């Protein structure tokens, strides 16, 4: 491909003439019209280039079979003769200003992998300043966090943005998250003792990264003897392994008769 001029995905623009891109297919999925989940609208593809730039591509239903037989997640391709349009809609998947549209004559050629990152993880974060969750504060400007999806700092996503982020986030997976809001962790019964909680915006960036440890369930086990040695508050979240001896009946919260809790008695397995 020495004679080919390859355009970086960050440089994709409708004014480019006959651009060609060298990309890996990170994800393929079928889009459906709202309220009609059994009807297929288009085939959607998430591309990533060698620099880690990403762009979304749409393939019309009429051309789906042709390109679905060619494209495989994790494989690399040289793509040419495509259209470029605004990345609009109420909930765009990516922050890229544009997205790609396949034509019937769009050229797709499988090529040798340009790296070993077959799942498209963005693992090189040496140039990123990552903020520890215990340092999260409303005064921080454009903080970035590296997290696994477990309950250590709580994040809230508004109903209007749920579908967008629910399609990205998986329990046990790791993500780099940026461009979010930070507010007081209020309420009478906060889930965590952290002073603050995170609020997602429409443009909050969420990038899946390689696992930073083997603790995929996020357990933080405490030995039974620690419960007599030090005091835990009602908002501390810890994990234990024990045998359930008894479970009480529902007990109403004082002043909140519609909300109830149960008391569980555990016995140390050792």
C-alpha atoms as a PDB file:
ATOM      1  CA  UNK A   1       0.000   0.000   0.000  1.00  0.00           C
ATOM      2  CA  UNK A   2       3.020   2.256  -0.458  1.00  0.00           C
ATOM      3  CA  UNK A   3       1.319   3.953  -3.433  1.00  0.00           C
ATOM      4  CA  UNK A   4      -1.876   4.608  -1.498  1.00  0.00           C
ATOM      5  CA  UNK A   5      -2.500   7.746   0.524  1.00  0.00           C
ATOM      6  CA  UNK A   6      -4.267   6.618   3.710  1.00  0.00           C
ATOM      7  CA  UNK A   7      -6.385   9.183   5.571  1.00  0.00           C
ATOM      8  CA  UNK A   8      -6.442   9.105   9.377  1.00  0.00           C
ATOM      9  CA  UNK A   9      -9.967   8.820  10.789  1.00  0.00           C
ATOM     10  CA  UNK A  10      -9.450  12.083  12.674  1.00  0.00           C
ATOM     11  CA  UNK A  11      -9.000  13.810   9.290  1.00  0.00           C
ATOM     12  CA  UNK A  12     -12.133  12.418   7.617  1.00  0.00           C
ATOM     13  CA  UNK A  13     -14.086  15.285   6.068  1.00  0.00           C
ATOM     14  CA  UNK A  14     -16.849  15.553   3.418  1.00  0.00           C
ATOM     15  CA  UNK A  15     -14.539  17.751   1.311  1.00  0.00           C
ATOM     16  CA  UNK A  16     -11.957  14.965   0.831  1.00  0.00           C
ATOM     17  CA  UNK A  17     -11.938  13.465  -2.645  1.00  0.00           C
ATOM     18  CA  UNK A  18     -11.748   9.649  -2.864  1.00  0.00           C
ATOM     19  CA  UNK A  19     -10.340   9.148   0.635  1.00  0.00           C
ATOM     20  CA  UNK A  20      -9.070   5.723   1.657  1.00  0.00           C
ATOM     21  CA  UNK A  21      -8.840   4.511   5.238  1.00  0.00           C
ATOM     22  CA  UNK A  22      -6.962   1.663   6.910  1.00  0.00           C
ATOM     23  CA  UNK A  23      -9.028   0.411   9.828  1.00  0.00           C
ATOM     24  CA  UNK A  24      -9.867  -2.410  12.181  1.00  0.00           C
ATOM     25  CA  UNK A  25     -13.501  -3.428  12.734  1.00  0.00           C
ATOM     26  CA  UNK A  26     -14.056  -3.047  16.481  1.00  0.00           C
ATOM     27  CA  UNK A  27     -17.773  -3.791  16.554  1.00  0.00           C
ATOM     28  CA  UNK A  28     -20.659  -4.634  14.206  1.00  0.00           C
ATOM     29  CA  UNK A  29     -24.339  -4.404  15.146  1.00  0.00           C
ATOM     30  CA  UNK A  30     -27.765  -4.023  13.557  1.00  0.00           C
ATOM     31  CA  UNK A  31     -29.785  -0.860  14.103  1.00  0.00           C
ATOM     32  CA  UNK A  32     -33.557  -0.946  14.558  1.00  0.00           C
ATOM     33  CA  UNK A  33     -36.222   1.736  14.208  1.00  0.00           C
ATOM     34  CA  UNK A  34     -37.487   3.091  17.525  1.00  0.00           C
ATOM     35  CA  UNK A  35     -40.373   0.967  18.905  1.00  0.00           C
ATOM     36  CA  UNK A  36     -39.849  -1.659  16.158  1.00  0.00           C
ATOM     37  CA  UNK A  37     -37.104  -3.968  17.499  1.00  0.00           C
ATOM     38  CA  UNK A  38     -37.872  -6.780  15.039  1.00  0.00           C
ATOM     39  CA  UNK A  39     -37.285  -4.563  11.995  1.00  0.00           C
ATOM     40  CA  UNK A  40     -33.688  -4.067  10.844  1.00  0.00           C
ATOM     41  CA  UNK A  41     -32.829  -0.572   9.675  1.00  0.00           C
ATOM     42  CA  UNK A  42     -29.120  -0.754   8.895  1.00  0.00           C
ATOM     43  CA  UNK A  43     -25.819  -2.434   9.701  1.00  0.00           C
ATOM     44  CA  UNK A  44     -23.586  -0.256  11.892  1.00  0.00           C
ATOM     45  CA  UNK A  45     -19.804  -0.635  12.098  1.00  0.00           C
ATOM     46  CA  UNK A  46     -17.308   0.893  14.515  1.00  0.00           C
ATOM     47  CA  UNK A  47     -13.901   1.456  12.855  1.00  0.00           C
ATOM     48  CA  UNK A  48     -10.588   2.217  14.575  1.00  0.00           C
ATOM     49  CA  UNK A  49      -7.292   3.141  12.894  1.00  0.00           C
ATOM     50  CA  UNK A  50      -3.661   2.675  13.974  1.00  0.00           C
ATOM     51  CA  UNK A  51      -3.706   5.922  15.967  1.00  0.00           C
ATOM     52  CA  UNK A  52      -6.737   4.827  17.991  1.00  0.00           C
ATOM     53  CA  UNK A  53      -9.137   7.227  16.231  1.00  0.00           C
ATOM     54  CA  UNK A  54     -12.680   5.916  15.801  1.00  0.00           C
ATOM     55  CA  UNK A  55     -15.558   6.578  13.415  1.00  0.00           C
ATOM     56  CA  UNK A  56     -18.965   5.014  12.883  1.00  0.00           C
ATOM     57  CA  UNK A  57     -20.036   3.634   9.494  1.00  0.00           C
ATOM     58  CA  UNK A  58     -23.604   2.911   8.361  1.00  0.00           C
ATOM     59  CA  UNK A  59     -24.614   0.369   5.725  1.00  0.00           C
ATOM     60  CA  UNK A  60     -28.139   0.513   4.308  1.00  0.00           C
ATOM     61  CA  UNK A  61     -30.406  -2.519   4.686  1.00  0.00           C
ATOM     62  CA  UNK A  62     -30.312  -3.136   0.908  1.00  0.00           C
ATOM     63  CA  UNK A  63     -26.496  -3.545   1.009  1.00  0.00           C
ATOM     64  CA  UNK A  64     -26.249  -5.359   4.328  1.00  0.00           C
ATOM     65  CA  UNK A  65     -25.810  -8.915   3.044  1.00  0.00           C
ATOM     66  CA  UNK A  66     -22.983  -7.934   0.710  1.00  0.00           C
ATOM     67  CA  UNK A  67     -20.839  -6.250   3.365  1.00  0.00           C
ATOM     68  CA  UNK A  68     -21.856  -8.445   6.305  1.00  0.00           C
ATOM     69  CA  UNK A  69     -20.265 -11.386   4.473  1.00  0.00           C
ATOM     70  CA  UNK A  70     -16.961  -9.481   4.232  1.00  0.00           C
ATOM     71  CA  UNK A  71     -16.611  -7.677   7.555  1.00  0.00           C
ATOM     72  CA  UNK A  72     -15.481  -9.484  10.711  1.00  0.00           C
ATOM     73  CA  UNK A  73     -14.906  -7.972  14.151  1.00  0.00           C
ATOM     74  CA  UNK A  74     -11.184  -7.781  14.925  1.00  0.00           C
ATOM     75  CA  UNK A  75     -10.069  -7.902  11.265  1.00  0.00           C
ATOM     76  CA  UNK A  76      -8.388  -5.058   9.359  1.00  0.00           C
ATOM     77  CA  UNK A  77      -9.502  -3.543   6.050  1.00  0.00           C
ATOM     78  CA  UNK A  78      -8.695  -0.885   3.509  1.00  0.00           C
ATOM     79  CA  UNK A  79     -11.914   0.965   2.687  1.00  0.00           C
ATOM     80  CA  UNK A  80     -12.545   3.412  -0.151  1.00  0.00           C
ATOM     81  CA  UNK A  81     -15.321   5.052  -2.223  1.00  0.00           C
ATOM     82  CA  UNK A  82     -17.572   5.900   0.715  1.00  0.00           C
ATOM     83  CA  UNK A  83     -19.666   8.887   1.681  1.00  0.00           C
ATOM     84  CA  UNK A  84     -19.101  11.213   4.640  1.00  0.00           C
ATOM     85  CA  UNK A  85     -21.894  13.030   6.454  1.00  0.00           C
ATOM     86  CA  UNK A  86     -22.644  14.748   9.727  1.00  0.00           C
ATOM     87  CA  UNK A  87     -22.685  12.509  12.799  1.00  0.00           C
ATOM     88  CA  UNK A  88     -26.074  13.762  13.900  1.00  0.00           C
ATOM     89  CA  UNK A  89     -28.944  12.358  15.881  1.00  0.00           C
ATOM     90  CA  UNK A  90     -29.943  12.960  19.461  1.00  0.00           C
ATOM     91  CA  UNK A  91     -27.538  10.372  20.916  1.00  0.00           C
ATOM     92  CA  UNK A  92     -24.426  10.015  18.700  1.00  0.00           C
ATOM     93  CA  UNK A  93     -22.268   7.055  19.686  1.00  0.00           C
ATOM     94  CA  UNK A  94     -18.968   8.869  19.092  1.00  0.00           C
ATOM     95  CA  UNK A  95     -17.756  12.445  19.428  1.00  0.00           C
ATOM     96  CA  UNK A  96     -16.413  12.434  15.831  1.00  0.00           C
ATOM     97  CA  UNK A  97     -18.080  15.209  13.849  1.00  0.00           C
ATOM     98  CA  UNK A  98     -18.684  12.927  10.866  1.00  0.00           C
ATOM     99  CA  UNK A  99     -19.722   9.370  10.111  1.00  0.00           C
ATOM    100  CA  UNK A 100     -19.188   7.169   7.066  1.00  0.00           C
ATOM    101  CA  UNK A 101     -21.907   5.907   4.739  1.00  0.00           C
ATOM    102  CA  UNK A 102     -21.302   2.857   2.550  1.00  0.00           C
ATOM    103  CA  UNK A 103     -22.374   2.857  -1.105  1.00  0.00           C
ATOM    104  CA  UNK A 104     -23.058  -0.203  -3.236  1.00  0.00           C
ATOM    105  CA  UNK A 105     -19.627   0.284  -4.846  1.00  0.00           C
ATOM    106  CA  UNK A 106     -17.694   0.973  -1.614  1.00  0.00           C
ATOM    107  CA  UNK A 107     -14.451  -1.010  -1.806  1.00  0.00           C
ATOM    108  CA  UNK A 108     -13.539  -3.199   1.177  1.00  0.00           C
ATOM    109  CA  UNK A 109     -10.268  -5.145   1.073  1.00  0.00           C
ATOM    110  CA  UNK A 110      -9.082  -7.318   3.956  1.00  0.00           C
ATOM    111  CA  UNK A 111      -5.450  -6.553   4.866  1.00  0.00           C
ATOM    112  CA  UNK A 112      -2.870  -7.908   7.302  1.00  0.00           C
ATOM    113  CA  UNK A 113      -3.345  -6.704  10.921  1.00  0.00           C
ATOM    114  CA  UNK A 114      -1.499  -3.439  11.588  1.00  0.00           C
ATOM    115  CA  UNK A 115      -1.168  -4.316  15.308  1.00  0.00           C
ATOM    116  CA  UNK A 116      -2.049  -7.072  17.792  1.00  0.00           C
ATOM    117  CA  UNK A 117      -4.882  -5.136  19.399  1.00  0.00           C
ATOM    118  CA  UNK A 118      -7.640  -7.278  17.874  1.00  0.00           C
ATOM    119  CA  UNK A 119     -10.376  -6.003  20.197  1.00  0.00           C
ATOM    120  CA  UNK A 120      -9.549  -2.342  19.661  1.00  0.00           C
ATOM    121  CA  UNK A 121      -8.604  -1.588  23.275  1.00  0.00           C
ATOM    122  CA  UNK A 122      -7.002   1.819  23.807  1.00  0.00           C
ATOM    123  CA  UNK A 123      -4.326   0.637  26.187  1.00  0.00           C
ATOM    124  CA  UNK A 124      -1.642   3.334  25.886  1.00  0.00           C
ATOM    125  CA  UNK A 125      -2.577   5.954  28.461  1.00  0.00           C
ATOM    126  CA  UNK A 126       0.902   7.134  29.472  1.00  0.00           C
ATOM    127  CA  UNK A 127       0.011  10.642  28.315  1.00  0.00           C
ATOM    128  CA  UNK A 128      -3.262  10.674  30.273  1.00  0.00           C
ATOM    129  CA  UNK A 129      -3.551  12.015  33.807  1.00  0.00           C
ATOM    130  CA  UNK A 130      -5.901   9.654  35.647  1.00  0.00           C
ATOM    131  CA  UNK A 131      -7.666  10.880  38.782  1.00  0.00           C
ATOM    132  CA  UNK A 132      -8.132   8.485  41.734  1.00  0.00           C
ATOM    133  CA  UNK A 133     -11.782   8.087  42.732  1.00  0.00           C
ATOM    134  CA  UNK A 134     -11.082   9.322  46.271  1.00  0.00           C
ATOM    135  CA  UNK A 135      -9.754  12.588  44.767  1.00  0.00           C
ATOM    136  CA  UNK A 136     -12.891  13.318  42.709  1.00  0.00           C
ATOM    137  CA  UNK A 137     -14.067  16.838  43.467  1.00  0.00           C
ATOM    138  CA  UNK A 138     -16.403  19.347  41.742  1.00  0.00           C
ATOM    139  CA  UNK A 139     -13.469  21.774  41.417  1.00  0.00           C
ATOM    140  CA  UNK A 140     -11.483  19.437  39.145  1.00  0.00           C
ATOM    141  CA  UNK A 141     -11.392  20.478  35.503  1.00  0.00           C
ATOM    142  CA  UNK A 142     -11.865  17.715  32.890  1.00  0.00           C
ATOM    143  CA  UNK A 143     -10.894  14.857  35.212  1.00  0.00           C
ATOM    144  CA  UNK A 144     -10.411  11.360  33.801  1.00  0.00           C
ATOM    145  CA  UNK A 145     -10.894   8.166  35.779  1.00  0.00           C
ATOM    146  CA  UNK A 146      -9.861   4.576  35.167  1.00  0.00           C
ATOM    147  CA  UNK A 147     -12.486   2.268  36.628  1.00  0.00           C
ATOM    148  CA  UNK A 148     -14.128  -1.114  36.679  1.00  0.00           C
ATOM    149  CA  UNK A 149     -17.925  -1.088  36.793  1.00  0.00           C
ATOM    150  CA  UNK A 150     -18.496  -1.826  40.506  1.00  0.00           C
ATOM    151  CA  UNK A 151     -19.989   0.189  43.365  1.00  0.00           C
ATOM    152  CA  UNK A 152     -17.132   2.348  44.691  1.00  0.00           C
ATOM    153  CA  UNK A 153     -18.140   5.740  43.389  1.00  0.00           C
ATOM    154  CA  UNK A 154     -21.662   6.039  42.144  1.00  0.00           C
ATOM    155  CA  UNK A 155     -22.508   7.431  38.726  1.00  0.00           C
ATOM    156  CA  UNK A 156     -25.946   8.509  37.533  1.00  0.00           C
ATOM    157  CA  UNK A 157     -27.141   8.524  33.929  1.00  0.00           C
ATOM    158  CA  UNK A 158     -30.342  10.335  33.019  1.00  0.00           C
ATOM    159  CA  UNK A 159     -33.175   8.376  31.433  1.00  0.00           C
ATOM    160  CA  UNK A 160     -32.742  10.259  28.151  1.00  0.00           C
ATOM    161  CA  UNK A 161     -29.135   8.996  27.859  1.00  0.00           C
ATOM    162  CA  UNK A 162     -29.675   5.477  29.205  1.00  0.00           C
ATOM    163  CA  UNK A 163     -29.773   3.566  25.927  1.00  0.00           C
ATOM    164  CA  UNK A 164     -26.553   5.114  24.658  1.00  0.00           C
ATOM    165  CA  UNK A 165     -24.464   4.196  27.711  1.00  0.00           C
ATOM    166  CA  UNK A 166     -26.232   0.928  28.512  1.00  0.00           C
ATOM    167  CA  UNK A 167     -25.035  -0.390  25.152  1.00  0.00           C
ATOM    168  CA  UNK A 168     -21.425   0.392  26.098  1.00  0.00           C
ATOM    169  CA  UNK A 169     -21.126  -0.476  29.802  1.00  0.00           C
ATOM    170  CA  UNK A 170     -20.757  -4.068  31.011  1.00  0.00           C
ATOM    171  CA  UNK A 171     -20.356  -5.204  34.611  1.00  0.00           C
ATOM    172  CA  UNK A 172     -16.807  -6.359  35.296  1.00  0.00           C
ATOM    173  CA  UNK A 173     -15.285  -4.456  32.351  1.00  0.00           C
ATOM    174  CA  UNK A 174     -12.847  -1.530  32.629  1.00  0.00           C
ATOM    175  CA  UNK A 175     -13.267   1.926  31.131  1.00  0.00           C
ATOM    176  CA  UNK A 176     -11.621   5.314  30.846  1.00  0.00           C
ATOM    177  CA  UNK A 177     -14.281   7.945  31.504  1.00  0.00           C
ATOM    178  CA  UNK A 178     -14.060  11.696  30.914  1.00  0.00           C
ATOM    179  CA  UNK A 179     -16.193  14.861  30.531  1.00  0.00           C
ATOM    180  CA  UNK A 180     -18.583  14.142  33.405  1.00  0.00           C
ATOM    181  CA  UNK A 181     -20.144  16.219  36.166  1.00  0.00           C
ATOM    182  CA  UNK A 182     -19.517  15.891  39.908  1.00  0.00           C
ATOM    183  CA  UNK A 183     -22.073  16.704  42.606  1.00  0.00           C
ATOM    184  CA  UNK A 184     -22.844  16.034  46.249  1.00  0.00           C
ATOM    185  CA  UNK A 185     -23.726  12.415  47.125  1.00  0.00           C
ATOM    186  CA  UNK A 186     -26.891  13.373  49.014  1.00  0.00           C
ATOM    187  CA  UNK A 187     -30.092  11.683  50.071  1.00  0.00           C
ATOM    188  CA  UNK A 188     -31.085  10.111  53.393  1.00  0.00           C
ATOM    189  CA  UNK A 189     -29.606   6.699  52.542  1.00  0.00           C
ATOM    190  CA  UNK A 190     -26.640   7.169  50.155  1.00  0.00           C
ATOM    191  CA  UNK A 191     -25.291   3.935  48.712  1.00  0.00           C
ATOM    192  CA  UNK A 192     -21.654   4.887  49.357  1.00  0.00           C
ATOM    193  CA  UNK A 193     -19.767   6.999  51.865  1.00  0.00           C
ATOM    194  CA  UNK A 194     -18.026   8.969  49.093  1.00  0.00           C
ATOM    195  CA  UNK A 195     -18.820  12.658  49.485  1.00  0.00           C
ATOM    196  CA  UNK A 196     -19.495  13.057  45.758  1.00  0.00           C
ATOM    197  CA  UNK A 197     -21.136  11.197  42.915  1.00  0.00           C
ATOM    198  CA  UNK A 198     -20.659  11.408  39.154  1.00  0.00           C
ATOM    199  CA  UNK A 199     -23.230  12.588  36.643  1.00  0.00           C
ATOM    200  CA  UNK A 200     -22.965  11.569  32.992  1.00  0.00           C
ATOM    201  CA  UNK A 201     -23.583  14.122  30.230  1.00  0.00           C
ATOM    202  CA  UNK A 202     -24.608  13.360  26.660  1.00  0.00           C
ATOM    203  CA  UNK A 203     -20.990  13.929  25.577  1.00  0.00           C
ATOM    204  CA  UNK A 204     -19.344  11.979  28.428  1.00  0.00           C
ATOM    205  CA  UNK A 205     -16.562   9.897  26.881  1.00  0.00           C
ATOM    206  CA  UNK A 206     -16.483   6.188  27.760  1.00  0.00           C
ATOM    207  CA  UNK A 207     -13.661   4.068  26.321  1.00  0.00           C
ATOM    208  CA  UNK A 208     -13.290   0.368  27.100  1.00  0.00           C
ATOM    209  CA  UNK A 209      -9.719  -0.488  28.138  1.00  0.00           C
ATOM    210  CA  UNK A 210      -7.790  -3.631  29.005  1.00  0.00           C
ATOM    211  CA  UNK A 211      -8.419  -4.977  32.542  1.00  0.00           C
ATOM    212  CA  UNK A 212      -6.083  -3.418  35.117  1.00  0.00           C
ATOM    213  CA  UNK A 213      -6.442  -6.391  37.502  1.00  0.00           C
ATOM    214  CA  UNK A 214      -8.045  -9.848  37.767  1.00  0.00           C
ATOM    215  CA  UNK A 215     -10.774  -8.768  40.176  1.00  0.00           C
ATOM    216  CA  UNK A 216     -13.542  -8.762  37.577  1.00  0.00           C
ATOM    217  CA  UNK A 217     -16.351  -8.702  40.152  1.00  0.00           C
ATOM    218  CA  UNK A 218     -14.792  -5.887  42.189  1.00  0.00           C
ATOM    219  CA  UNK A 219     -14.924  -7.730  45.520  1.00  0.00           C
ATOM    220  CA  UNK A 220     -13.362  -6.075  48.589  1.00  0.00           C
ATOM    221  CA  UNK A 221     -13.436  -8.873  51.139  1.00  0.00           C
ATOM    222  CA  UNK A 222     -13.236  -8.171  54.879  1.00  0.00           C
ATOM    223  CA  UNK A 223     -12.370 -10.932  57.391  1.00  0.00           C
ATOM    224  CA  UNK A 224     -15.074 -11.500  60.020  1.00  0.00           C
ATOM    225  CA  UNK A 225     -12.733 -10.433  62.853  1.00  0.00           C
ATOM    226  CA  UNK A 226     -12.464  -6.957  61.321  1.00  0.00           C
ATOM    227  CA  UNK A 227     -16.087  -6.296  62.254  1.00  0.00           C
ATOM    228  CA  UNK A 228     -15.138  -6.443  65.944  1.00  0.00           C
ATOM    229  CA  UNK A 229     -11.775  -4.709  65.562  1.00  0.00           C
ATOM    230  CA  UNK A 230     -12.933  -1.580  63.770  1.00  0.00           C
ATOM    231  CA  UNK A 231     -16.164   0.267  63.231  1.00  0.00           C
ATOM    232  CA  UNK A 232     -17.917   0.335  59.879  1.00  0.00           C
ATOM    233  CA  UNK A 233     -20.490   2.986  59.040  1.00  0.00           C
ATOM    234  CA  UNK A 234     -23.889   2.181  57.544  1.00  0.00           C
ATOM    235  CA  UNK A 235     -22.714   3.543  54.197  1.00  0.00           C
ATOM    236  CA  UNK A 236     -19.567   1.370  53.931  1.00  0.00           C
ATOM    237  CA  UNK A 237     -19.750  -1.244  51.187  1.00  0.00           C
ATOM    238  CA  UNK A 238     -17.682  -4.376  51.828  1.00  0.00           C
ATOM    239  CA  UNK A 239     -17.867  -8.064  50.884  1.00  0.00           C
ATOM    240  CA  UNK A 240     -17.807 -11.129  53.135  1.00  0.00           C
ATOM    241  CA  UNK A 241     -18.104 -14.895  52.694  1.00  0.00           C
ATOM    242  CA  UNK A 242     -20.256 -16.624  55.271  1.00  0.00           C
ATOM    243  CA  UNK A 243     -23.147 -18.965  55.946  1.00  0.00           C
ATOM    244  CA  UNK A 244     -26.603 -17.401  56.330  1.00  0.00           C
ATOM    245  CA  UNK A 245     -28.012 -18.415  59.727  1.00  0.00           C
ATOM    246  CA  UNK A 246     -31.202 -16.385  59.732  1.00  0.00           C
ATOM    247  CA  UNK A 247     -33.126 -13.722  57.820  1.00  0.00           C
ATOM    248  CA  UNK A 248     -35.558 -11.421  59.618  1.00  0.00           C
ATOM    249  CA  UNK A 249     -38.928 -10.344  58.337  1.00  0.00           C
ATOM    250  CA  UNK A 250     -39.330  -6.984  56.559  1.00  0.00           C
ATOM    251  CA  UNK A 251     -38.621  -4.045  58.895  1.00  0.00           C
ATOM    252  CA  UNK A 252     -39.898  -0.555  57.896  1.00  0.00           C
ATOM    253  CA  UNK A 253     -37.419   2.327  57.908  1.00  0.00           C
ATOM    254  CA  UNK A 254     -38.275   4.885  60.560  1.00  0.00           C
ATOM    255  CA  UNK A 255     -40.291   7.604  58.868  1.00  0.00           C
ATOM    256  CA  UNK A 256     -40.357   5.673  55.562  1.00  0.00           C
ATOM    257  CA  UNK A 257     -43.086   3.059  55.957  1.00  0.00           C
ATOM    258  CA  UNK A 258     -43.044   2.136  52.257  1.00  0.00           C
ATOM    259  CA  UNK A 259     -39.322   1.231  52.388  1.00  0.00           C
ATOM    260  CA  UNK A 260     -38.230  -1.861  54.287  1.00  0.00           C
ATOM    261  CA  UNK A 261     -35.066  -3.804  55.054  1.00  0.00           C
ATOM    262  CA  UNK A 262     -34.174  -7.249  56.404  1.00  0.00           C
ATOM    263  CA  UNK A 263     -31.510  -8.201  58.937  1.00  0.00           C
ATOM    264  CA  UNK A 264     -29.338 -11.154  57.886  1.00  0.00           C
ATOM    265  CA  UNK A 265     -27.203 -13.108  60.355  1.00  0.00           C
ATOM    266  CA  UNK A 266     -24.023 -14.625  58.922  1.00  0.00           C
ATOM    267  CA  UNK A 267     -21.635 -17.174  60.371  1.00  0.00           C
ATOM    268  CA  UNK A 268     -17.940 -17.272  59.459  1.00  0.00           C
ATOM    269  CA  UNK A 269     -17.284 -20.258  57.180  1.00  0.00           C
ATOM    270  CA  UNK A 270     -13.990 -20.795  59.004  1.00  0.00           C
END
